[in-house]
Amino acid sequence: MNQFDEYQSQAKRTLNSEIADQYIYANLGMGLAGEAGEVCDYLKKVVFHGHKLDPQKIAEELGDVLWYLANLADQVGISLGEIAEQNIAKLRKRYPDGFSEERSQQRPEYTTEIKA
């Protein structure tokens, strides 16, 4: 078991088990979006309002994002370890030599071919 999966197991302990099955996905999805929004709002204050970046504040907000992500993944039967492995495989395929603007711009989903 990797650290992601251990975290996921521990995070599950604090999930409200009284939420009806049909609502759990909405609860977790909305919570994930809300917490991601809090990260964005904090960064907006740093970039546009002159606040000093506080790494601990970012860590706290990202921890909330991670909690919702871990529990949503668990509800659909996917481990965080699997998600991480799949994401790294996708990124290695997309950027085999590391990120480059050229490879990013040439991704098939971003290029369109006009047919006559």
PDB file of N, CA and C in Angstrom:
ATOM      1  N   MET A   1       0.849  -1.174   0.000  1.00  0.00           N
ATOM      2  CA  MET A   1       0.000   0.000   0.000  1.00  0.00           C
ATOM      3  C   MET A   1       0.896   1.239   0.000  1.00  0.00           C
ATOM      4  N   ASN A   2       0.598   2.183  -0.896  1.00  0.00           N
ATOM      5  CA  ASN A   2       1.397   3.401  -0.944  1.00  0.00           C
ATOM      6  C   ASN A   2       0.786   4.491  -0.064  1.00  0.00           C
ATOM      7  N   GLN A   3       1.472   5.617   0.037  1.00  0.00           N
ATOM      8  CA  GLN A   3       1.001   6.693   0.912  1.00  0.00           C
ATOM      9  C   GLN A   3      -0.343   7.260   0.456  1.00  0.00           C
ATOM     10  N   PHE A   4      -0.560   7.327  -0.847  1.00  0.00           N
ATOM     11  CA  PHE A   4      -1.851   7.809  -1.343  1.00  0.00           C
ATOM     12  C   PHE A   4      -2.981   6.920  -0.825  1.00  0.00           C
ATOM     13  N   ASP A   5      -2.788   5.633  -0.942  1.00  0.00           N
ATOM     14  CA  ASP A   5      -3.834   4.704  -0.531  1.00  0.00           C
ATOM     15  C   ASP A   5      -4.039   4.714   0.981  1.00  0.00           C
ATOM     16  N   GLU A   6      -2.963   4.896   1.728  1.00  0.00           N
ATOM     17  CA  GLU A   6      -3.081   5.008   3.184  1.00  0.00           C
ATOM     18  C   GLU A   6      -3.852   6.274   3.554  1.00  0.00           C
ATOM     19  N   TYR A   7      -3.535   7.379   2.878  1.00  0.00           N
ATOM     20  CA  TYR A   7      -4.278   8.621   3.126  1.00  0.00           C
ATOM     21  C   TYR A   7      -5.763   8.412   2.825  1.00  0.00           C
ATOM     22  N   GLN A   8      -6.045   7.780   1.702  1.00  0.00           N
ATOM     23  CA  GLN A   8      -7.429   7.539   1.300  1.00  0.00           C
ATOM     24  C   GLN A   8      -8.169   6.730   2.360  1.00  0.00           C
ATOM     25  N   SER A   9      -7.517   5.732   2.903  1.00  0.00           N
ATOM     26  CA  SER A   9      -8.109   4.913   3.945  1.00  0.00           C
ATOM     27  C   SER A   9      -8.390   5.746   5.199  1.00  0.00           C
ATOM     28  N   GLN A  10      -7.452   6.591   5.569  1.00  0.00           N
ATOM     29  CA  GLN A  10      -7.619   7.434   6.748  1.00  0.00           C
ATOM     30  C   GLN A  10      -8.688   8.508   6.527  1.00  0.00           C
ATOM     31  N   ALA A  11      -8.731   9.094   5.334  1.00  0.00           N
ATOM     32  CA  ALA A  11      -9.717  10.136   5.029  1.00  0.00           C
ATOM     33  C   ALA A  11     -11.138   9.578   5.085  1.00  0.00           C
ATOM     34  N   LYS A  12     -11.297   8.347   4.687  1.00  0.00           N
ATOM     35  CA  LYS A  12     -12.619   7.709   4.672  1.00  0.00           C
ATOM     36  C   LYS A  12     -13.227   7.653   6.072  1.00  0.00           C
ATOM     37  N   ARG A  13     -12.386   7.593   7.081  1.00  0.00           N
ATOM     38  CA  ARG A  13     -12.870   7.516   8.464  1.00  0.00           C
ATOM     39  C   ARG A  13     -13.723   8.716   8.843  1.00  0.00           C
ATOM     40  N   THR A  14     -13.479   9.873   8.212  1.00  0.00           N
ATOM     41  CA  THR A  14     -14.175  11.088   8.608  1.00  0.00           C
ATOM     42  C   THR A  14     -15.287  11.487   7.637  1.00  0.00           C
ATOM     43  N   LEU A  15     -15.641  10.582   6.742  1.00  0.00           N
ATOM     44  CA  LEU A  15     -16.746  10.827   5.813  1.00  0.00           C
ATOM     45  C   LEU A  15     -18.069  10.632   6.550  1.00  0.00           C
ATOM     46  N   ASN A  16     -19.000  11.529   6.335  1.00  0.00           N
ATOM     47  CA  ASN A  16     -20.329  11.421   6.941  1.00  0.00           C
ATOM     48  C   ASN A  16     -21.062  10.235   6.320  1.00  0.00           C
ATOM     49  N   SER A  17     -21.174   9.157   7.063  1.00  0.00           N
ATOM     50  CA  SER A  17     -21.786   7.925   6.548  1.00  0.00           C
ATOM     51  C   SER A  17     -23.307   7.993   6.516  1.00  0.00           C
ATOM     52  N   GLU A  18     -23.881   9.079   7.023  1.00  0.00           N
ATOM     53  CA  GLU A  18     -25.340   9.200   7.031  1.00  0.00           C
ATOM     54  C   GLU A  18     -25.888   9.813   5.750  1.00  0.00           C
ATOM     55  N   ILE A  19     -25.024  10.277   4.860  1.00  0.00           N
ATOM     56  CA  ILE A  19     -25.490  10.829   3.589  1.00  0.00           C
ATOM     57  C   ILE A  19     -25.975   9.681   2.719  1.00  0.00           C
ATOM     58  N   ALA A  20     -27.185   9.814   2.197  1.00  0.00           N
ATOM     59  CA  ALA A  20     -27.769   8.764   1.366  1.00  0.00           C
ATOM     60  C   ALA A  20     -26.904   8.525   0.127  1.00  0.00           C
ATOM     61  N   ASP A  21     -26.863   7.262  -0.286  1.00  0.00           N
ATOM     62  CA  ASP A  21     -26.025   6.873  -1.422  1.00  0.00           C
ATOM     63  C   ASP A  21     -26.246   7.746  -2.650  1.00  0.00           C
ATOM     64  N   GLN A  22     -27.491   8.090  -2.942  1.00  0.00           N
ATOM     65  CA  GLN A  22     -27.764   8.854  -4.160  1.00  0.00           C
ATOM     66  C   GLN A  22     -27.242  10.293  -4.072  1.00  0.00           C
ATOM     67  N   TYR A  23     -26.898  10.748  -2.861  1.00  0.00           N
ATOM     68  CA  TYR A  23     -26.405  12.114  -2.708  1.00  0.00           C
ATOM     69  C   TYR A  23     -24.904  12.202  -2.457  1.00  0.00           C
ATOM     70  N   ILE A  24     -24.271  11.099  -2.182  1.00  0.00           N
ATOM     71  CA  ILE A  24     -22.862  11.138  -1.800  1.00  0.00           C
ATOM     72  C   ILE A  24     -21.978  11.693  -2.915  1.00  0.00           C
ATOM     73  N   TYR A  25     -22.275  11.332  -4.171  1.00  0.00           N
ATOM     74  CA  TYR A  25     -21.458  11.833  -5.289  1.00  0.00           C
ATOM     75  C   TYR A  25     -21.593  13.344  -5.416  1.00  0.00           C
ATOM     76  N   ALA A  26     -22.823  13.833  -5.293  1.00  0.00           N
ATOM     77  CA  ALA A  26     -23.048  15.277  -5.379  1.00  0.00           C
ATOM     78  C   ALA A  26     -22.340  15.988  -4.229  1.00  0.00           C
ATOM     79  N   ASN A  27     -22.465  15.453  -3.018  1.00  0.00           N
ATOM     80  CA  ASN A  27     -21.816  16.059  -1.852  1.00  0.00           C
ATOM     81  C   ASN A  27     -20.309  16.149  -2.070  1.00  0.00           C
ATOM     82  N   LEU A  28     -19.715  15.052  -2.493  1.00  0.00           N
ATOM     83  CA  LEU A  28     -18.260  15.031  -2.655  1.00  0.00           C
ATOM     84  C   LEU A  28     -17.805  15.853  -3.855  1.00  0.00           C
ATOM     85  N   GLY A  29     -18.532  15.776  -4.950  1.00  0.00           N
ATOM     86  CA  GLY A  29     -18.176  16.571  -6.132  1.00  0.00           C
ATOM     87  C   GLY A  29     -18.292  18.065  -5.870  1.00  0.00           C
ATOM     88  N   MET A  30     -19.384  18.459  -5.212  1.00  0.00           N
ATOM     89  CA  MET A  30     -19.562  19.879  -4.893  1.00  0.00           C
ATOM     90  C   MET A  30     -18.524  20.338  -3.874  1.00  0.00           C
ATOM     91  N   GLY A  31     -18.215  19.492  -2.912  1.00  0.00           N
ATOM     92  CA  GLY A  31     -17.183  19.839  -1.935  1.00  0.00           C
ATOM     93  C   GLY A  31     -15.824  20.003  -2.593  1.00  0.00           C
ATOM     94  N   LEU A  32     -15.502  19.117  -3.532  1.00  0.00           N
ATOM     95  CA  LEU A  32     -14.237  19.206  -4.262  1.00  0.00           C
ATOM     96  C   LEU A  32     -14.162  20.521  -5.034  1.00  0.00           C
ATOM     97  N   ALA A  33     -15.240  20.853  -5.740  1.00  0.00           N
ATOM     98  CA  ALA A  33     -15.259  22.105  -6.501  1.00  0.00           C
ATOM     99  C   ALA A  33     -15.160  23.312  -5.574  1.00  0.00           C
ATOM    100  N   GLY A  34     -15.865  23.258  -4.457  1.00  0.00           N
ATOM    101  CA  GLY A  34     -15.827  24.363  -3.512  1.00  0.00           C
ATOM    102  C   GLY A  34     -14.449  24.585  -2.926  1.00  0.00           C
ATOM    103  N   GLU A  35     -13.793  23.513  -2.552  1.00  0.00           N
ATOM    104  CA  GLU A  35     -12.446  23.643  -1.983  1.00  0.00           C
ATOM    105  C   GLU A  35     -11.437  24.094  -3.042  1.00  0.00           C
ATOM    106  N   ALA A  36     -11.577  23.610  -4.274  1.00  0.00           N
ATOM    107  CA  ALA A  36     -10.707  24.090  -5.355  1.00  0.00           C
ATOM    108  C   ALA A  36     -10.940  25.581  -5.571  1.00  0.00           C
ATOM    109  N   GLY A  37     -12.198  26.001  -5.441  1.00  0.00           N
ATOM    110  CA  GLY A  37     -12.521  27.422  -5.543  1.00  0.00           C
ATOM    111  C   GLY A  37     -11.848  28.233  -4.450  1.00  0.00           C
ATOM    112  N   GLU A  38     -11.749  27.671  -3.251  1.00  0.00           N
ATOM    113  CA  GLU A  38     -11.074  28.375  -2.165  1.00  0.00           C
ATOM    114  C   GLU A  38      -9.585  28.544  -2.468  1.00  0.00           C
ATOM    115  N   VAL A  39      -8.977  27.547  -3.098  1.00  0.00           N
ATOM    116  CA  VAL A  39      -7.576  27.673  -3.515  1.00  0.00           C
ATOM    117  C   VAL A  39      -7.457  28.814  -4.521  1.00  0.00           C
ATOM    118  N   CYS A  40      -8.351  28.825  -5.506  1.00  0.00           N
ATOM    119  CA  CYS A  40      -8.323  29.880  -6.530  1.00  0.00           C
ATOM    120  C   CYS A  40      -8.536  31.253  -5.920  1.00  0.00           C
ATOM    121  N   ASP A  41      -9.482  31.360  -4.995  1.00  0.00           N
ATOM    122  CA  ASP A  41      -9.763  32.648  -4.370  1.00  0.00           C
ATOM    123  C   ASP A  41      -8.556  33.147  -3.591  1.00  0.00           C
ATOM    124  N   TYR A  42      -7.893  32.244  -2.881  1.00  0.00           N
ATOM    125  CA  TYR A  42      -6.706  32.646  -2.129  1.00  0.00           C
ATOM    126  C   TYR A  42      -5.603  33.127  -3.084  1.00  0.00           C
ATOM    127  N   LEU A  43      -5.385  32.392  -4.170  1.00  0.00           N
ATOM    128  CA  LEU A  43      -4.355  32.793  -5.131  1.00  0.00           C
ATOM    129  C   LEU A  43      -4.709  34.113  -5.804  1.00  0.00           C
ATOM    130  N   LYS A  44      -5.996  34.363  -6.027  1.00  0.00           N
ATOM    131  CA  LYS A  44      -6.440  35.654  -6.570  1.00  0.00           C
ATOM    132  C   LYS A  44      -6.016  36.775  -5.637  1.00  0.00           C
ATOM    133  N   LYS A  45      -6.180  36.568  -4.342  1.00  0.00           N
ATOM    134  CA  LYS A  45      -5.793  37.589  -3.367  1.00  0.00           C
ATOM    135  C   LYS A  45      -4.284  37.827  -3.389  1.00  0.00           C
ATOM    136  N   VAL A  46      -3.521  36.760  -3.588  1.00  0.00           N
ATOM    137  CA  VAL A  46      -2.063  36.893  -3.663  1.00  0.00           C
ATOM    138  C   VAL A  46      -1.672  37.665  -4.924  1.00  0.00           C
ATOM    139  N   VAL A  47      -2.236  37.285  -6.060  1.00  0.00           N
ATOM    140  CA  VAL A  47      -1.833  37.875  -7.336  1.00  0.00           C
ATOM    141  C   VAL A  47      -2.382  39.289  -7.524  1.00  0.00           C
ATOM    142  N   PHE A  48      -3.637  39.494  -7.181  1.00  0.00           N
ATOM    143  CA  PHE A  48      -4.276  40.765  -7.510  1.00  0.00           C
ATOM    144  C   PHE A  48      -4.513  41.709  -6.329  1.00  0.00           C
ATOM    145  N   HIS A  49      -4.431  41.207  -5.098  1.00  0.00           N
ATOM    146  CA  HIS A  49      -4.722  42.054  -3.947  1.00  0.00           C
ATOM    147  C   HIS A  49      -3.498  42.319  -3.076  1.00  0.00           C
ATOM    148  N   GLY A  50      -2.360  41.833  -3.498  1.00  0.00           N
ATOM    149  CA  GLY A  50      -1.127  42.124  -2.783  1.00  0.00           C
ATOM    150  C   GLY A  50      -0.890  41.325  -1.515  1.00  0.00           C
ATOM    151  N   HIS A  51      -1.664  40.248  -1.310  1.00  0.00           N
ATOM    152  CA  HIS A  51      -1.424  39.420  -0.127  1.00  0.00           C
ATOM    153  C   HIS A  51      -0.124  38.648  -0.306  1.00  0.00           C
ATOM    154  N   LYS A  52       0.561  38.418   0.797  1.00  0.00           N
ATOM    155  CA  LYS A  52       1.782  37.613   0.763  1.00  0.00           C
ATOM    156  C   LYS A  52       1.391  36.137   0.700  1.00  0.00           C
ATOM    157  N   LEU A  53       2.051  35.380  -0.160  1.00  0.00           N
ATOM    158  CA  LEU A  53       1.769  33.946  -0.290  1.00  0.00           C
ATOM    159  C   LEU A  53       2.170  33.222   0.985  1.00  0.00           C
ATOM    160  N   ASP A  54       1.237  32.502   1.559  1.00  0.00           N
ATOM    161  CA  ASP A  54       1.472  31.722   2.768  1.00  0.00           C
ATOM    162  C   ASP A  54       1.411  30.239   2.391  1.00  0.00           C
ATOM    163  N   PRO A  55       2.549  29.557   2.279  1.00  0.00           N
ATOM    164  CA  PRO A  55       2.545  28.143   1.887  1.00  0.00           C
ATOM    165  C   PRO A  55       1.684  27.278   2.810  1.00  0.00           C
ATOM    166  N   GLN A  56       1.622  27.605   4.093  1.00  0.00           N
ATOM    167  CA  GLN A  56       0.796  26.817   5.009  1.00  0.00           C
ATOM    168  C   GLN A  56      -0.685  26.947   4.668  1.00  0.00           C
ATOM    169  N   LYS A  57      -1.112  28.142   4.289  1.00  0.00           N
ATOM    170  CA  LYS A  57      -2.513  28.353   3.895  1.00  0.00           C
ATOM    171  C   LYS A  57      -2.828  27.526   2.639  1.00  0.00           C
ATOM    172  N   ILE A  58      -1.933  27.541   1.675  1.00  0.00           N
ATOM    173  CA  ILE A  58      -2.122  26.724   0.463  1.00  0.00           C
ATOM    174  C   ILE A  58      -2.191  25.251   0.845  1.00  0.00           C
ATOM    175  N   ALA A  59      -1.296  24.813   1.729  1.00  0.00           N
ATOM    176  CA  ALA A  59      -1.285  23.404   2.154  1.00  0.00           C
ATOM    177  C   ALA A  59      -2.606  23.020   2.803  1.00  0.00           C
ATOM    178  N   GLU A  60      -3.152  23.894   3.642  1.00  0.00           N
ATOM    179  CA  GLU A  60      -4.435  23.595   4.289  1.00  0.00           C
ATOM    180  C   GLU A  60      -5.557  23.463   3.267  1.00  0.00           C
ATOM    181  N   GLU A  61      -5.613  24.391   2.328  1.00  0.00           N
ATOM    182  CA  GLU A  61      -6.674  24.351   1.314  1.00  0.00           C
ATOM    183  C   GLU A  61      -6.502  23.135   0.396  1.00  0.00           C
ATOM    184  N   LEU A  62      -5.270  22.835   0.011  1.00  0.00           N
ATOM    185  CA  LEU A  62      -5.035  21.660  -0.824  1.00  0.00           C
ATOM    186  C   LEU A  62      -5.354  20.374  -0.073  1.00  0.00           C
ATOM    187  N   GLY A  63      -5.137  20.378   1.228  1.00  0.00           N
ATOM    188  CA  GLY A  63      -5.517  19.221   2.039  1.00  0.00           C
ATOM    189  C   GLY A  63      -7.018  18.982   1.977  1.00  0.00           C
ATOM    190  N   ASP A  64      -7.804  20.067   1.998  1.00  0.00           N
ATOM    191  CA  ASP A  64      -9.254  19.924   1.877  1.00  0.00           C
ATOM    192  C   ASP A  64      -9.640  19.375   0.504  1.00  0.00           C
ATOM    193  N   VAL A  65      -8.950  19.850  -0.533  1.00  0.00           N
ATOM    194  CA  VAL A  65      -9.182  19.324  -1.892  1.00  0.00           C
ATOM    195  C   VAL A  65      -8.872  17.832  -1.917  1.00  0.00           C
ATOM    196  N   LEU A  66      -7.744  17.467  -1.333  1.00  0.00           N
ATOM    197  CA  LEU A  66      -7.321  16.065  -1.320  1.00  0.00           C
ATOM    198  C   LEU A  66      -8.326  15.182  -0.582  1.00  0.00           C
ATOM    199  N   TRP A  67      -8.887  15.672   0.521  1.00  0.00           N
ATOM    200  CA  TRP A  67      -9.871  14.902   1.285  1.00  0.00           C
ATOM    201  C   TRP A  67     -11.083  14.573   0.405  1.00  0.00           C
ATOM    202  N   TYR A  68     -11.609  15.583  -0.270  1.00  0.00           N
ATOM    203  CA  TYR A  68     -12.770  15.346  -1.131  1.00  0.00           C
ATOM    204  C   TYR A  68     -12.413  14.423  -2.298  1.00  0.00           C
ATOM    205  N   LEU A  69     -11.250  14.635  -2.893  1.00  0.00           N
ATOM    206  CA  LEU A  69     -10.803  13.791  -3.999  1.00  0.00           C
ATOM    207  C   LEU A  69     -10.666  12.343  -3.554  1.00  0.00           C
ATOM    208  N   ALA A  70     -10.041  12.133  -2.404  1.00  0.00           N
ATOM    209  CA  ALA A  70      -9.837  10.776  -1.895  1.00  0.00           C
ATOM    210  C   ALA A  70     -11.161  10.069  -1.645  1.00  0.00           C
ATOM    211  N   ASN A  71     -12.103  10.768  -1.051  1.00  0.00           N
ATOM    212  CA  ASN A  71     -13.381  10.141  -0.741  1.00  0.00           C
ATOM    213  C   ASN A  71     -14.240   9.929  -1.981  1.00  0.00           C
ATOM    214  N   LEU A  72     -14.186  10.849  -2.931  1.00  0.00           N
ATOM    215  CA  LEU A  72     -14.931  10.649  -4.182  1.00  0.00           C
ATOM    216  C   LEU A  72     -14.360   9.457  -4.948  1.00  0.00           C
ATOM    217  N   ALA A  73     -13.049   9.378  -5.029  1.00  0.00           N
ATOM    218  CA  ALA A  73     -12.416   8.241  -5.700  1.00  0.00           C
ATOM    219  C   ALA A  73     -12.797   6.937  -5.014  1.00  0.00           C
ATOM    220  N   ASP A  74     -12.794   6.919  -3.702  1.00  0.00           N
ATOM    221  CA  ASP A  74     -13.165   5.723  -2.959  1.00  0.00           C
ATOM    222  C   ASP A  74     -14.603   5.305  -3.260  1.00  0.00           C
ATOM    223  N   GLN A  75     -15.490   6.271  -3.346  1.00  0.00           N
ATOM    224  CA  GLN A  75     -16.901   5.965  -3.604  1.00  0.00           C
ATOM    225  C   GLN A  75     -17.118   5.302  -4.960  1.00  0.00           C
ATOM    226  N   VAL A  76     -16.256   5.626  -5.928  1.00  0.00           N
ATOM    227  CA  VAL A  76     -16.389   5.009  -7.249  1.00  0.00           C
ATOM    228  C   VAL A  76     -15.438   3.830  -7.433  1.00  0.00           C
ATOM    229  N   GLY A  77     -14.734   3.456  -6.365  1.00  0.00           N
ATOM    230  CA  GLY A  77     -13.914   2.253  -6.401  1.00  0.00           C
ATOM    231  C   GLY A  77     -12.550   2.402  -7.032  1.00  0.00           C
ATOM    232  N   ILE A  78     -11.979   3.597  -6.967  1.00  0.00           N
ATOM    233  CA  ILE A  78     -10.649   3.833  -7.539  1.00  0.00           C
ATOM    234  C   ILE A  78      -9.729   4.311  -6.426  1.00  0.00           C
ATOM    235  N   SER A  79      -8.536   3.752  -6.358  1.00  0.00           N
ATOM    236  CA  SER A  79      -7.593   4.196  -5.340  1.00  0.00           C
ATOM    237  C   SER A  79      -6.822   5.422  -5.841  1.00  0.00           C
ATOM    238  N   LEU A  80      -6.404   6.250  -4.900  1.00  0.00           N
ATOM    239  CA  LEU A  80      -5.576   7.399  -5.273  1.00  0.00           C
ATOM    240  C   LEU A  80      -4.271   6.940  -5.919  1.00  0.00           C
ATOM    241  N   GLY A  81      -3.755   5.802  -5.481  1.00  0.00           N
ATOM    242  CA  GLY A  81      -2.551   5.258  -6.100  1.00  0.00           C
ATOM    243  C   GLY A  81      -2.759   4.958  -7.576  1.00  0.00           C
ATOM    244  N   GLU A  82      -3.908   4.353  -7.897  1.00  0.00           N
ATOM    245  CA  GLU A  82      -4.231   4.075  -9.311  1.00  0.00           C
ATOM    246  C   GLU A  82      -4.352   5.364 -10.106  1.00  0.00           C
ATOM    247  N   ILE A  83      -5.030   6.346  -9.525  1.00  0.00           N
ATOM    248  CA  ILE A  83      -5.200   7.628 -10.211  1.00  0.00           C
ATOM    249  C   ILE A  83      -3.839   8.249 -10.488  1.00  0.00           C
ATOM    250  N   ALA A  84      -2.956   8.239  -9.496  1.00  0.00           N
ATOM    251  CA  ALA A  84      -1.625   8.818  -9.663  1.00  0.00           C
ATOM    252  C   ALA A  84      -0.835   8.080 -10.745  1.00  0.00           C
ATOM    253  N   GLU A  85      -0.879   6.760 -10.720  1.00  0.00           N
ATOM    254  CA  GLU A  85      -0.144   5.973 -11.722  1.00  0.00           C
ATOM    255  C   GLU A  85      -0.671   6.230 -13.128  1.00  0.00           C
ATOM    256  N   GLN A  86      -1.989   6.268 -13.285  1.00  0.00           N
ATOM    257  CA  GLN A  86      -2.585   6.522 -14.598  1.00  0.00           C
ATOM    258  C   GLN A  86      -2.235   7.916 -15.105  1.00  0.00           C
ATOM    259  N   ASN A  87      -2.230   8.895 -14.196  1.00  0.00           N
ATOM    260  CA  ASN A  87      -1.913  10.259 -14.588  1.00  0.00           C
ATOM    261  C   ASN A  87      -0.460  10.379 -15.031  1.00  0.00           C
ATOM    262  N   ILE A  88       0.446   9.756 -14.295  1.00  0.00           N
ATOM    263  CA  ILE A  88       1.866   9.796 -14.681  1.00  0.00           C
ATOM    264  C   ILE A  88       2.076   9.114 -16.025  1.00  0.00           C
ATOM    265  N   ALA A  89       1.403   7.984 -16.262  1.00  0.00           N
ATOM    266  CA  ALA A  89       1.522   7.298 -17.555  1.00  0.00           C
ATOM    267  C   ALA A  89       1.024   8.192 -18.691  1.00  0.00           C
ATOM    268  N   LYS A  90      -0.090   8.885 -18.471  1.00  0.00           N
ATOM    269  CA  LYS A  90      -0.628   9.788 -19.487  1.00  0.00           C
ATOM    270  C   LYS A  90       0.350  10.917 -19.770  1.00  0.00           C
ATOM    271  N   LEU A  91       0.931  11.490 -18.712  1.00  0.00           N
ATOM    272  CA  LEU A  91       1.864  12.599 -18.893  1.00  0.00           C
ATOM    273  C   LEU A  91       3.157  12.153 -19.570  1.00  0.00           C
ATOM    274  N   ARG A  92       3.629  10.947 -19.246  1.00  0.00           N
ATOM    275  CA  ARG A  92       4.842  10.426 -19.918  1.00  0.00           C
ATOM    276  C   ARG A  92       4.600  10.241 -21.409  1.00  0.00           C
ATOM    277  N   LYS A  93       3.408   9.774 -21.750  1.00  0.00           N
ATOM    278  CA  LYS A  93       3.067   9.591 -23.165  1.00  0.00           C
ATOM    279  C   LYS A  93       2.952  10.952 -23.862  1.00  0.00           C
ATOM    280  N   ARG A  94       2.319  11.896 -23.194  1.00  0.00           N
ATOM    281  CA  ARG A  94       2.101  13.218 -23.770  1.00  0.00           C
ATOM    282  C   ARG A  94       3.401  14.011 -23.872  1.00  0.00           C
ATOM    283  N   TYR A  95       4.239  13.915 -22.861  1.00  0.00           N
ATOM    284  CA  TYR A  95       5.484  14.680 -22.796  1.00  0.00           C
ATOM    285  C   TYR A  95       6.641  13.749 -22.445  1.00  0.00           C
ATOM    286  N   PRO A  96       7.085  12.896 -23.380  1.00  0.00           N
ATOM    287  CA  PRO A  96       8.107  11.892 -23.062  1.00  0.00           C
ATOM    288  C   PRO A  96       9.438  12.492 -22.619  1.00  0.00           C
ATOM    289  N   ASP A  97       9.739  13.700 -23.049  1.00  0.00           N
ATOM    290  CA  ASP A  97      10.994  14.343 -22.663  1.00  0.00           C
ATOM    291  C   ASP A  97      10.760  15.495 -21.688  1.00  0.00           C
ATOM    292  N   GLY A  98       9.616  15.519 -21.041  1.00  0.00           N
ATOM    293  CA  GLY A  98       9.260  16.624 -20.159  1.00  0.00           C
ATOM    294  C   GLY A  98       8.421  17.642 -20.926  1.00  0.00           C
ATOM    295  N   PHE A  99       7.851  18.575 -20.205  1.00  0.00           N
ATOM    296  CA  PHE A  99       6.969  19.561 -20.819  1.00  0.00           C
ATOM    297  C   PHE A  99       7.680  20.404 -21.854  1.00  0.00           C
ATOM    298  N   SER A 100       6.998  20.696 -22.946  1.00  0.00           N
ATOM    299  CA  SER A 100       7.462  21.679 -23.922  1.00  0.00           C
ATOM    300  C   SER A 100       6.230  22.374 -24.490  1.00  0.00           C
ATOM    301  N   GLU A 101       6.366  23.661 -24.745  1.00  0.00           N
ATOM    302  CA  GLU A 101       5.248  24.408 -25.317  1.00  0.00           C
ATOM    303  C   GLU A 101       4.856  23.833 -26.675  1.00  0.00           C
ATOM    304  N   GLU A 102       5.845  23.449 -27.459  1.00  0.00           N
ATOM    305  CA  GLU A 102       5.558  22.909 -28.791  1.00  0.00           C
ATOM    306  C   GLU A 102       4.696  21.648 -28.699  1.00  0.00           C
ATOM    307  N   ARG A 103       5.078  20.712 -27.838  1.00  0.00           N
ATOM    308  CA  ARG A 103       4.273  19.484 -27.700  1.00  0.00           C
ATOM    309  C   ARG A 103       2.884  19.811 -27.162  1.00  0.00           C
ATOM    310  N   SER A 104       2.800  20.785 -26.290  1.00  0.00           N
ATOM    311  CA  SER A 104       1.500  21.180 -25.756  1.00  0.00           C
ATOM    312  C   SER A 104       0.608  21.732 -26.859  1.00  0.00           C
ATOM    313  N   GLN A 105       1.177  22.558 -27.699  1.00  0.00           N
ATOM    314  CA  GLN A 105       0.400  23.175 -28.775  1.00  0.00           C
ATOM    315  C   GLN A 105       0.031  22.186 -29.868  1.00  0.00           C
ATOM    316  N   GLN A 106       0.780  21.120 -29.988  1.00  0.00           N
ATOM    317  CA  GLN A 106       0.535  20.136 -31.048  1.00  0.00           C
ATOM    318  C   GLN A 106      -0.292  18.945 -30.592  1.00  0.00           C
ATOM    319  N   ARG A 107      -0.846  19.016 -29.396  1.00  0.00           N
ATOM    320  CA  ARG A 107      -1.689  17.909 -28.927  1.00  0.00           C
ATOM    321  C   ARG A 107      -2.901  17.785 -29.824  1.00  0.00           C
ATOM    322  N   PRO A 108      -3.291  16.566 -30.169  1.00  0.00           N
ATOM    323  CA  PRO A 108      -4.405  16.363 -31.109  1.00  0.00           C
ATOM    324  C   PRO A 108      -5.695  17.065 -30.697  1.00  0.00           C
ATOM    325  N   GLU A 109      -5.978  17.116 -29.408  1.00  0.00           N
ATOM    326  CA  GLU A 109      -7.227  17.751 -28.992  1.00  0.00           C
ATOM    327  C   GLU A 109      -7.206  19.271 -29.140  1.00  0.00           C
ATOM    328  N   TYR A 110      -6.005  19.847 -29.391  1.00  0.00           N
ATOM    329  CA  TYR A 110      -5.904  21.290 -29.556  1.00  0.00           C
ATOM    330  C   TYR A 110      -5.669  21.699 -31.005  1.00  0.00           C
ATOM    331  N   THR A 111      -5.483  20.746 -31.867  1.00  0.00           N
ATOM    332  CA  THR A 111      -5.287  21.071 -33.278  1.00  0.00           C
ATOM    333  C   THR A 111      -6.522  20.656 -34.039  1.00  0.00           C
ATOM    334  N   THR A 112      -6.899  21.461 -34.974  1.00  0.00           N
ATOM    335  CA  THR A 112      -8.075  21.134 -35.789  1.00  0.00           C
ATOM    336  C   THR A 112      -7.671  21.123 -37.249  1.00  0.00           C
ATOM    337  N   GLU A 113      -8.276  20.229 -37.930  1.00  0.00           N
ATOM    338  CA  GLU A 113      -8.014  20.102 -39.361  1.00  0.00           C
ATOM    339  C   GLU A 113      -9.286  20.524 -40.085  1.00  0.00           C
ATOM    340  N   ILE A 114      -9.149  21.507 -40.952  1.00  0.00           N
ATOM    341  CA  ILE A 114     -10.301  21.971 -41.709  1.00  0.00           C
ATOM    342  C   ILE A 114     -10.408  21.119 -42.955  1.00  0.00           C
ATOM    343  N   LYS A 115     -11.566  20.497 -43.120  1.00  0.00           N
ATOM    344  CA  LYS A 115     -11.774  19.648 -44.283  1.00  0.00           C
ATOM    345  C   LYS A 115     -12.582  20.405 -45.324  1.00  0.00           C
ATOM    346  N   ALA A 116     -12.148  20.294 -46.570  1.00  0.00           N
ATOM    347  CA  ALA A 116     -12.839  20.988 -47.660  1.00  0.00           C
ATOM    348  C   ALA A 116     -14.056  20.247 -48.122  1.00  0.00           C
TER     349      ALA A 116
END
